[in-house]
């Protein structure tokens, strides 16, 4: 009877327009808006009979630097699958459940997790989503401070970097979705914190809004090694690396004994066909530096603990957060491409629907 009812419900379900952003081709070099295309199809707002799938309406879509790597056609498999040309681009979203065959979700529930760049998504693996526990906070927080970037900052700083009070901490791409949070967590821990960013506006934000002790515009520095020596005359204990390349090389020259480098991202390298090498690795030996990479997916099992701790910080005013919101799914390609030119101020996301 239940399956029959489900079939009847599916047949009677509304069919609606569903705009989506597809990848037209694999990308080499810097991505362009023309590498993506907005297409319109229809979708029936129902889940297959007898399945545990969940149909959601996407409210906010996330733009993240790692997405550039997935646009490449890798010869060797990467840690996540490459995007498939002609298919909708997967991304994190904040969504509202429209229809559910899963016992843990009902229509009206708010969730965040991996869906796709489209207005409606049928989620066939609901283990990829989390129910939103604090819906009175701005929902967009679940793509930033309470979502994947927040957990990245938290895990990369506390689990990988292992900070101690009084540590000297340097963060590159410090005004971005992850960097702004690492800096504030470091200040809460009692560290001395310096960040680099790509504009005077972002540098000012680091000092005035996020409470960094110092910051510099790397585009105005002739010598990154000299800039770091100026900011860290005693050297660096923790380098939280979001960029790689020349900044990593300069940081290695300035590490203190037993310093730690948390390798979070390499945005300076994502659009290069031939990646730059690292020249100052001798410092890793002589200064006994530990360099460790990490992937946030390995920490999703700790999400609920992280969420409650971060919510407390937000409610107590210990942490603030800046977002850059583009309006409308048609602006997803421009918002995503803008990440690689530093156009965004803070976490970049796209508002698709408000309810």
Protein backbone atom coordinates (compact mmCIF):
# COMPACT_ATOMS: atom_id res chain seq x y z
CA UNK A 1 0.00 0.00 0.00
CA UNK A 2 2.79 2.38 0.99
CA UNK A 3 4.63 1.86 -2.31
CA UNK A 4 1.40 2.30 -4.25
CA UNK A 5 0.71 5.55 -2.37
CA UNK A 6 4.27 6.69 -3.10
CA UNK A 7 3.80 5.97 -6.83
CA UNK A 8 0.56 7.92 -6.83
CA UNK A 9 2.21 10.79 -4.93
CA UNK A 10 5.09 10.87 -7.38
CA UNK A 11 2.75 10.88 -10.35
CA UNK A 12 0.79 13.74 -8.81
CA UNK A 13 3.87 15.71 -7.72
CA UNK A 14 4.40 19.12 -9.19
CA UNK A 15 6.79 19.40 -12.10
CA UNK A 16 8.79 22.61 -11.87
CA UNK A 17 11.51 24.40 -13.79
CA UNK A 18 15.01 23.58 -12.56
CA UNK A 19 17.85 25.85 -13.64
CA UNK A 20 21.35 24.43 -13.22
CA UNK A 21 24.97 25.23 -14.01
CA UNK A 22 26.87 22.60 -15.99
CA UNK A 23 30.56 22.31 -16.84
CA UNK A 24 30.93 22.58 -20.62
CA UNK A 25 34.50 21.30 -20.82
CA UNK A 26 37.48 20.43 -18.64
CA UNK A 27 39.56 23.50 -17.82
CA UNK A 28 43.23 24.35 -18.33
CA UNK A 29 44.60 27.62 -16.96
CA UNK A 30 42.27 30.11 -15.32
CA UNK A 31 38.58 29.15 -15.50
CA UNK A 32 36.20 31.47 -17.35
CA UNK A 33 32.46 31.95 -17.20
CA UNK A 34 32.31 30.41 -20.68
CA UNK A 35 33.56 27.09 -19.26
CA UNK A 36 30.14 26.82 -17.59
CA UNK A 37 26.59 27.13 -18.89
CA UNK A 38 23.21 27.87 -17.30
CA UNK A 39 20.64 25.36 -18.56
CA UNK A 40 16.95 24.87 -17.78
CA UNK A 41 15.16 21.56 -17.40
CA UNK A 42 12.16 20.33 -15.40
CA UNK A 43 12.09 18.19 -12.28
CA UNK A 44 9.28 16.40 -10.48
CA UNK A 45 9.24 17.27 -6.77
CA UNK A 46 9.09 13.68 -5.52
CA UNK A 47 11.37 10.83 -4.53
CA UNK A 48 11.37 7.37 -6.18
CA UNK A 49 8.95 4.87 -4.57
CA UNK A 50 10.54 2.83 -1.79
CA UNK A 51 13.80 4.81 -1.81
CA UNK A 52 15.47 6.70 1.04
CA UNK A 53 16.20 9.64 -1.23
CA UNK A 54 15.54 13.27 -0.30
CA UNK A 55 14.39 16.03 -2.69
CA UNK A 56 15.61 19.47 -1.67
CA UNK A 57 15.22 23.06 -2.79
CA UNK A 58 18.64 24.73 -2.73
CA UNK A 59 18.67 28.11 -0.97
CA UNK A 60 22.40 28.94 -1.01
CA UNK A 61 25.22 27.46 -3.10
CA UNK A 62 28.89 27.52 -2.11
CA UNK A 63 31.84 28.70 -4.23
CA UNK A 64 35.13 27.21 -3.01
CA UNK A 65 38.70 27.16 -4.38
CA UNK A 66 38.91 23.35 -4.35
CA UNK A 67 36.27 23.32 -7.11
CA UNK A 68 38.93 24.48 -9.57
CA UNK A 69 40.84 21.23 -9.10
CA UNK A 70 37.71 19.23 -9.92
CA UNK A 71 37.38 21.11 -13.22
CA UNK A 72 40.66 19.55 -14.39
CA UNK A 73 40.91 16.29 -16.28
CA UNK A 74 43.45 14.55 -14.03
CA UNK A 75 45.64 11.80 -15.47
CA UNK A 76 46.05 10.40 -11.96
CA UNK A 77 42.88 10.30 -9.80
CA UNK A 78 42.62 13.12 -7.26
CA UNK A 79 41.17 12.85 -3.74
CA UNK A 80 37.72 13.70 -5.16
CA UNK A 81 36.39 12.82 -8.63
CA UNK A 82 36.78 15.27 -11.50
CA UNK A 83 33.64 17.06 -12.64
CA UNK A 84 32.07 15.53 -15.74
CA UNK A 85 31.55 17.84 -18.76
CA UNK A 86 27.87 18.16 -19.61
CA UNK A 87 26.77 17.40 -16.05
CA UNK A 88 25.62 19.71 -13.24
CA UNK A 89 28.51 20.92 -11.05
CA UNK A 90 28.34 19.44 -7.52
CA UNK A 91 28.81 21.84 -4.61
CA UNK A 92 27.88 22.37 -0.98
CA UNK A 93 24.53 24.01 -0.31
CA UNK A 94 22.03 25.04 2.31
CA UNK A 95 18.70 23.50 1.32
CA UNK A 96 15.12 22.90 2.40
CA UNK A 97 13.63 19.39 2.20
CA UNK A 98 10.67 19.27 -0.22
CA UNK A 99 9.97 15.53 -0.15
CA UNK A 100 11.64 12.67 1.71
CA UNK A 101 11.73 8.90 1.68
CA UNK A 102 14.26 8.91 4.54
CA UNK A 103 13.03 8.49 8.12
CA UNK A 104 15.43 11.15 9.47
CA UNK A 105 14.17 13.92 7.18
CA UNK A 106 10.75 15.42 6.58
CA UNK A 107 9.41 18.19 4.34
CA UNK A 108 10.41 21.59 5.68
CA UNK A 109 13.65 20.43 7.35
CA UNK A 110 16.69 22.61 6.72
CA UNK A 111 19.91 20.82 5.80
CA UNK A 112 23.40 21.54 4.49
CA UNK A 113 25.78 19.29 2.59
CA UNK A 114 26.80 18.21 -0.89
CA UNK A 115 24.17 18.80 -3.58
CA UNK A 116 24.73 20.59 -6.91
CA UNK A 117 24.57 23.95 -8.69
CA UNK A 118 20.84 23.82 -9.40
CA UNK A 119 17.56 24.96 -7.93
CA UNK A 120 16.38 21.47 -6.89
CA UNK A 121 18.44 18.34 -6.18
CA UNK A 122 17.43 14.73 -5.63
CA UNK A 123 19.85 13.46 -2.96
CA UNK A 124 20.16 9.70 -3.31
CA UNK A 125 22.78 9.42 -0.52
CA UNK A 126 21.42 11.41 2.44
CA UNK A 127 24.54 10.56 4.47
CA UNK A 128 26.11 13.48 2.56
CA UNK A 129 23.87 16.02 4.34
CA UNK A 130 23.53 17.35 7.89
CA UNK A 131 20.35 18.62 9.51
CA UNK A 132 20.70 22.27 10.57
CA UNK A 133 20.46 22.44 14.36
CA UNK A 134 20.44 26.23 14.74
CA UNK A 135 18.00 27.59 12.13
CA UNK A 136 17.65 30.92 13.95
CA UNK A 137 21.23 31.80 12.97
CA UNK A 138 21.67 33.09 9.39
CA UNK A 139 21.34 30.00 7.20
CA UNK A 140 24.28 31.13 5.05
CA UNK A 141 26.52 30.45 8.07
CA UNK A 142 26.20 26.76 7.22
CA UNK A 143 28.27 27.30 4.07
CA UNK A 144 30.92 29.19 6.01
CA UNK A 145 31.61 29.51 9.71
CA UNK A 146 29.32 26.54 10.59
CA UNK A 147 29.97 24.56 7.41
CA UNK A 148 32.86 23.04 5.49
CA UNK A 149 35.20 26.11 5.73
CA UNK A 150 34.59 26.42 9.47
CA UNK A 151 35.35 22.76 10.09
CA UNK A 152 38.43 23.10 7.85
CA UNK A 153 39.72 25.99 9.94
CA UNK A 154 38.95 24.25 13.22
CA UNK A 155 40.47 20.87 12.30
CA UNK A 156 43.47 22.34 10.49
CA UNK A 157 44.33 24.67 13.35
CA UNK A 158 43.68 22.53 16.41
CA UNK A 159 44.30 18.99 15.15
CA UNK A 160 47.02 19.59 12.55
CA UNK A 161 48.79 22.74 13.80
CA UNK A 162 48.51 21.87 17.51
CA UNK A 163 48.79 25.46 18.80
CA UNK A 164 50.09 26.58 22.16
CA UNK A 165 49.41 29.88 23.88
CA UNK A 166 52.00 32.42 22.75
CA UNK A 167 52.70 30.78 19.38
CA UNK A 168 53.51 33.02 16.41
CA UNK A 169 50.95 32.21 13.70
CA UNK A 170 51.01 33.23 10.03
CA UNK A 171 48.01 32.69 7.72
CA UNK A 172 47.99 33.23 3.94
CA UNK A 173 44.76 34.12 2.08
CA UNK A 174 43.77 35.25 5.54
CA UNK A 175 40.56 37.09 4.66
CA UNK A 176 39.08 34.10 2.86
CA UNK A 177 36.44 31.69 4.12
CA UNK A 178 38.95 29.58 6.08
CA UNK A 179 41.70 32.09 6.88
CA UNK A 180 39.48 34.60 8.68
CA UNK A 181 38.39 31.85 11.08
CA UNK A 182 41.86 30.40 11.67
CA UNK A 183 43.03 33.86 12.70
CA UNK A 184 40.23 34.36 15.18
CA UNK A 185 40.64 30.85 16.65
CA UNK A 186 44.36 31.60 17.03
CA UNK A 187 43.62 34.85 18.88
CA UNK A 188 41.17 33.03 21.19
CA UNK A 189 43.98 30.52 21.88
CA UNK A 190 46.35 33.35 22.86
CA UNK A 191 48.59 33.42 19.78
CA UNK A 192 50.23 36.31 17.94
CA UNK A 193 48.59 36.37 14.51
CA UNK A 194 49.61 37.88 11.17
CA UNK A 195 47.81 37.42 7.86
CA UNK A 196 48.51 38.14 4.21
CA UNK A 197 45.85 39.17 1.69
CA UNK A 198 45.68 40.60 -1.82
CA UNK A 199 44.26 44.11 -1.29
CA UNK A 200 44.48 46.99 1.19
CA UNK A 201 40.75 46.60 1.87
CA UNK A 202 41.28 42.98 2.92
CA UNK A 203 44.32 43.89 5.03
CA UNK A 204 42.25 46.53 6.83
CA UNK A 205 39.52 43.95 7.45
CA UNK A 206 42.03 41.56 9.04
CA UNK A 207 43.25 44.22 11.47
CA UNK A 208 39.97 45.95 12.31
CA UNK A 209 37.26 43.27 12.10
CA UNK A 210 39.05 39.99 12.72
CA UNK A 211 41.52 41.19 15.36
CA UNK A 212 44.77 40.13 13.66
CA UNK A 213 47.87 41.66 15.28
CA UNK A 214 49.27 42.59 11.88
CA UNK A 215 48.66 41.99 8.18
CA UNK A 216 50.20 42.85 4.82
CA UNK A 217 49.22 43.10 1.15
CA UNK A 218 51.45 40.54 -0.57
CA UNK A 219 50.97 42.27 -3.93
CA UNK A 220 52.78 45.35 -2.58
CA UNK A 221 55.75 43.42 -1.18
CA UNK A 222 58.88 43.18 -3.35
CA UNK A 223 60.37 40.51 -1.07
CA UNK A 224 58.09 38.11 0.79
CA UNK A 225 60.97 36.86 2.95
CA UNK A 226 61.66 40.43 4.10
CA UNK A 227 57.93 41.02 4.75
CA UNK A 228 57.76 37.96 6.99
CA UNK A 229 60.98 38.93 8.82
CA UNK A 230 59.45 42.35 9.45
CA UNK A 231 56.24 40.81 10.84
CA UNK A 232 57.92 37.94 12.68
CA UNK A 233 61.36 39.03 13.95
CA UNK A 234 61.28 35.97 16.26
CA UNK A 235 60.11 33.61 13.48
CA UNK A 236 56.93 31.61 12.84
CA UNK A 237 55.65 28.68 14.93
CA UNK A 238 52.61 27.86 12.78
CA UNK A 239 52.09 28.60 9.10
CA UNK A 240 48.54 27.88 7.95
CA UNK A 241 49.06 27.66 4.19
CA UNK A 242 46.21 28.36 1.79
CA UNK A 243 48.31 29.41 -1.20
CA UNK A 244 51.55 27.41 -1.63
CA UNK A 245 54.13 28.69 -4.12
CA UNK A 246 56.38 31.64 -3.30
CA UNK A 247 54.65 32.32 0.02
CA UNK A 248 55.34 28.79 1.26
CA UNK A 249 59.00 29.16 0.24
CA UNK A 250 59.29 32.44 2.13
CA UNK A 251 57.54 31.01 5.20
CA UNK A 252 59.93 28.05 5.36
CA UNK A 253 62.86 30.49 5.65
CA UNK A 254 61.16 32.05 8.68
CA UNK A 255 59.99 28.99 10.61
CA UNK A 256 61.13 28.54 14.19
CA UNK A 257 62.56 25.29 15.55
CA UNK A 258 59.87 22.57 15.53
CA UNK A 259 57.49 24.81 13.62
CA UNK A 260 54.37 23.38 12.02
CA UNK A 261 53.00 23.99 8.51
CA UNK A 262 49.35 23.02 7.97
CA UNK A 263 48.83 22.55 4.24
CA UNK A 264 45.20 23.47 3.62
CA UNK A 265 45.25 24.69 0.01
CA UNK A 266 47.40 25.89 -2.88
CA UNK A 267 45.33 28.52 -4.64
CA UNK A 268 48.43 30.08 -6.26
CA UNK A 269 48.97 26.80 -8.13
CA UNK A 270 45.50 25.67 -9.18
CA UNK A 271 45.50 27.47 -12.53
CA UNK A 272 49.11 26.61 -13.51
CA UNK A 273 49.69 23.78 -15.94
CA UNK A 274 53.18 23.26 -14.46
CA UNK A 275 53.16 23.65 -10.69
CA UNK A 276 55.97 25.57 -9.01
CA UNK A 277 58.45 23.63 -6.92
CA UNK A 278 59.49 24.35 -3.32
CA UNK A 279 63.13 25.43 -2.99
CA UNK A 280 63.67 25.95 0.72
CA UNK A 281 63.10 22.40 1.94
CA UNK A 282 66.49 22.41 3.67
CA UNK A 283 64.79 24.52 6.36
CA UNK A 284 62.48 21.60 7.12
CA UNK A 285 65.52 19.54 8.10
CA UNK A 286 67.58 22.16 9.91
CA UNK A 287 64.63 23.62 11.82
CA UNK A 288 62.88 20.25 12.32
CA UNK A 289 59.68 21.60 10.77
CA UNK A 290 56.63 19.36 10.41
CA UNK A 291 54.58 19.85 7.21
CA UNK A 292 51.20 18.10 7.17
CA UNK A 293 48.36 18.19 4.68
CA UNK A 294 44.78 17.43 5.58
CA UNK A 295 41.36 16.95 3.96
CA UNK A 296 38.28 18.22 5.79
CA UNK A 297 36.16 15.18 4.79
CA UNK A 298 38.16 13.11 7.29
CA UNK A 299 36.76 15.31 10.07
CA UNK A 300 33.04 15.18 9.19
CA UNK A 301 32.59 12.65 12.01
CA UNK A 302 33.50 15.40 14.50
CA UNK A 303 31.07 17.91 12.98
CA UNK A 304 28.49 18.04 15.79
CA UNK A 305 31.13 18.78 18.44
CA UNK A 306 32.61 21.50 16.24
CA UNK A 307 29.16 22.97 15.48
CA UNK A 308 28.24 23.44 19.15
CA UNK A 309 31.61 24.98 20.00
CA UNK A 310 31.46 27.40 17.06
CA UNK A 311 27.83 28.35 17.80
CA UNK A 312 28.92 29.26 21.34
CA UNK A 313 31.68 31.49 19.95
CA UNK A 314 29.21 33.18 17.60
CA UNK A 315 26.62 33.79 20.32
CA UNK A 316 29.27 35.13 22.72
CA UNK A 317 30.65 37.46 20.04
CA UNK A 318 34.11 35.84 20.08
CA UNK A 319 33.99 35.19 16.34
CA UNK A 320 32.71 37.33 13.50
CA UNK A 321 32.34 36.34 9.87
CA UNK A 322 32.26 38.11 6.50
CA UNK A 323 30.42 36.77 3.46
CA UNK A 324 30.23 37.86 -0.17
CA UNK A 325 26.78 36.95 -1.52
CA UNK A 326 25.92 36.92 -5.24
CA UNK A 327 22.20 36.96 -6.03
CA UNK A 328 20.73 34.38 -8.39
CA UNK A 329 21.92 31.05 -9.77
CA UNK A 330 22.72 32.78 -13.09
CA UNK A 331 25.60 34.51 -11.27
CA UNK A 332 27.19 31.25 -10.06
CA UNK A 333 29.81 31.09 -12.88
CA UNK A 334 30.99 34.69 -12.31
CA UNK A 335 31.12 34.20 -8.53
CA UNK A 336 33.17 31.02 -8.85
CA UNK A 337 35.61 32.49 -11.37
CA UNK A 338 35.99 35.59 -9.19
CA UNK A 339 37.63 33.52 -6.43
CA UNK A 340 40.74 33.12 -8.57
CA UNK A 341 41.07 36.86 -9.15
CA UNK A 342 40.52 37.82 -5.50
CA UNK A 343 37.25 39.60 -6.27
CA UNK A 344 35.44 38.22 -3.23
CA UNK A 345 35.61 39.73 0.25
CA UNK A 346 35.23 36.78 2.62
CA UNK A 347 33.26 33.62 1.98
CA UNK A 348 31.76 33.55 -1.53
CA UNK A 349 28.29 32.10 -1.90
CA UNK A 350 25.28 32.42 -4.19
CA UNK A 351 21.72 33.01 -2.96
CA UNK A 352 19.36 30.96 -5.12
CA UNK A 353 16.15 31.29 -3.08
CA UNK A 354 15.35 32.85 0.29
CA UNK A 355 12.81 30.24 1.43
